[in-house]
Each structure stands twice: as C-alpha cells, then as structure tokens.
C-alpha cells in the first residue's frame, strides 16, 4: 500500500478503535477510502459517483453521520449534535467551502 494516504487512514483507524463518539475529518476518511479501494494511490481514477458510493458505505458500516455544509453555515458542534440526536456513533465533518 502506498504511504500517500497513510496518515489520514491511520487517524481514521485510531479514532474508530475508540469506544467514544467519533469526530472524523472528511479528508482523513477519503484517505481511508482511497487507500482501501485504490491501494496503488490511483485516487484520480475514482469518479465522484464511486467516491460517493464508498463514502455512503463507510457511513453505513460505522454508523456515522455525514455533516456537509458551506463555510458560512458550517458549525462543528452542530454536526456533532445532529449525529448524537440521530443515534449515530459519530460524525464526519465536511466543510464545503
């Protein structure tokens, strides 16, 4: 496996191993996805549809809520609160700006 996405992948794995509520960064999660499904580092050959499919699977598998909003509407605490109220084990934060 390439080390190109290794740091983000490691952060995701470490966070998911904890029993507490997870707060993950979308960039780290995408590093995990790319290193898992494109182990040779060929991230650019993954279409938006394919990325979206893997991200949805990741959220479903780990019971995570995806919080995505543009910068002016983005509040980390709001994403965490929405996830907790929805019964999720954590949140993936994605600032669209």
Protein backbone atom coordinates (compact mmCIF):
# COMPACT_ATOMS: atom_id res chain seq x y z
CA UNK A 1 0.00 0.00 0.00
CA UNK A 2 1.24 3.45 -0.82
CA UNK A 3 2.02 5.83 2.02
CA UNK A 4 0.35 8.66 0.11
CA UNK A 5 -2.83 8.42 2.20
CA UNK A 6 -1.39 6.62 5.18
CA UNK A 7 -1.59 9.45 7.75
CA UNK A 8 -5.31 10.07 7.22
CA UNK A 9 -6.00 6.33 7.13
CA UNK A 10 -4.20 5.84 10.45
CA UNK A 11 -6.11 8.73 12.08
CA UNK A 12 -9.43 7.17 10.99
CA UNK A 13 -8.49 3.72 12.27
CA UNK A 14 -7.29 5.11 15.61
CA UNK A 15 -10.49 7.11 16.06
CA UNK A 16 -12.77 4.18 15.14
CA UNK A 17 -10.99 1.89 17.62
CA UNK A 18 -12.09 4.14 20.47
CA UNK A 19 -15.38 3.46 22.20
CA UNK A 20 -16.31 7.12 22.43
CA UNK A 21 -18.25 9.29 19.96
CA UNK A 22 -16.21 9.71 16.77
CA UNK A 23 -15.49 13.05 15.11
CA UNK A 24 -13.77 12.48 11.78
CA UNK A 25 -12.49 14.82 9.10
CA UNK A 26 -13.72 14.15 5.54
CA UNK A 27 -10.15 14.38 4.18
CA UNK A 28 -8.96 11.61 6.52
CA UNK A 29 -11.98 9.46 5.63
CA UNK A 30 -11.29 9.93 1.92
CA UNK A 31 -7.66 8.93 2.55
CA UNK A 32 -9.01 5.73 4.14
CA UNK A 33 -11.29 5.14 1.15
CA UNK A 34 -8.56 5.77 -1.43
CA UNK A 35 -6.02 3.58 0.36
CA UNK A 36 -8.59 0.80 0.79
CA UNK A 37 -10.09 0.81 -2.68
CA UNK A 38 -7.15 2.26 -4.65
CA UNK A 39 -4.12 0.81 -2.82
CA UNK A 40 -1.76 1.86 -5.62
CA UNK A 41 -2.59 5.50 -4.99
CA UNK A 42 -4.71 5.98 -8.11
CA UNK A 43 -7.21 8.30 -6.46
CA UNK A 44 -7.77 10.34 -9.60
CA UNK A 45 -9.32 7.45 -11.48
CA UNK A 46 -12.18 7.26 -8.96
CA UNK A 47 -15.32 9.01 -10.18
CA UNK A 48 -17.49 11.24 -8.00
CA UNK A 49 -20.20 8.55 -8.10
CA UNK A 50 -17.72 5.91 -6.94
CA UNK A 51 -16.39 8.16 -4.15
CA UNK A 52 -19.97 8.85 -3.04
CA UNK A 53 -20.83 5.14 -3.02
CA UNK A 54 -17.81 4.28 -0.88
CA UNK A 55 -18.44 7.20 1.47
CA UNK A 56 -22.07 6.10 1.97
CA UNK A 57 -20.90 2.52 2.63
CA UNK A 58 -18.34 3.83 5.13
CA UNK A 59 -21.01 5.85 6.94
CA UNK A 60 -23.41 2.89 6.99
CA UNK A 61 -20.77 0.39 8.14
CA UNK A 62 -19.53 2.52 11.02
CA UNK A 63 -22.88 4.20 11.86
CA UNK A 64 -21.58 7.67 11.11
CA UNK A 65 -23.43 10.84 10.15
CA UNK A 66 -22.10 12.94 7.28
CA UNK A 67 -22.35 16.65 8.07
CA UNK A 68 -21.68 18.75 4.95
CA UNK A 69 -22.37 22.46 4.68
CA UNK A 70 -20.80 25.54 3.11
CA UNK A 71 -18.46 27.55 5.30
CA UNK A 72 -20.98 30.22 6.31
CA UNK A 73 -23.38 27.53 7.56
CA UNK A 74 -20.77 25.08 8.91
CA UNK A 75 -20.54 24.59 12.68
CA UNK A 76 -18.71 21.54 14.04
CA UNK A 77 -20.83 21.49 17.21
CA UNK A 78 -24.00 21.41 15.09
CA UNK A 79 -22.76 18.39 13.14
CA UNK A 80 -21.89 16.54 16.35
CA UNK A 81 -25.26 17.42 17.89
CA UNK A 82 -27.19 16.27 14.82
CA UNK A 83 -25.29 12.99 14.84
CA UNK A 84 -25.89 12.37 18.55
CA UNK A 85 -29.59 13.22 18.27
CA UNK A 86 -29.85 10.88 15.29
CA UNK A 87 -28.36 8.00 17.26
CA UNK A 88 -25.12 7.79 15.27
CA UNK A 89 -21.77 6.63 16.69
CA UNK A 90 -20.03 9.68 15.28
CA UNK A 91 -19.87 12.37 12.63
CA UNK A 92 -17.81 13.08 9.54
CA UNK A 93 -17.26 16.82 9.18
CA UNK A 94 -17.11 18.22 5.65
CA UNK A 95 -16.84 21.97 5.13
CA UNK A 96 -17.85 22.52 1.50
CA UNK A 97 -16.02 25.84 1.16
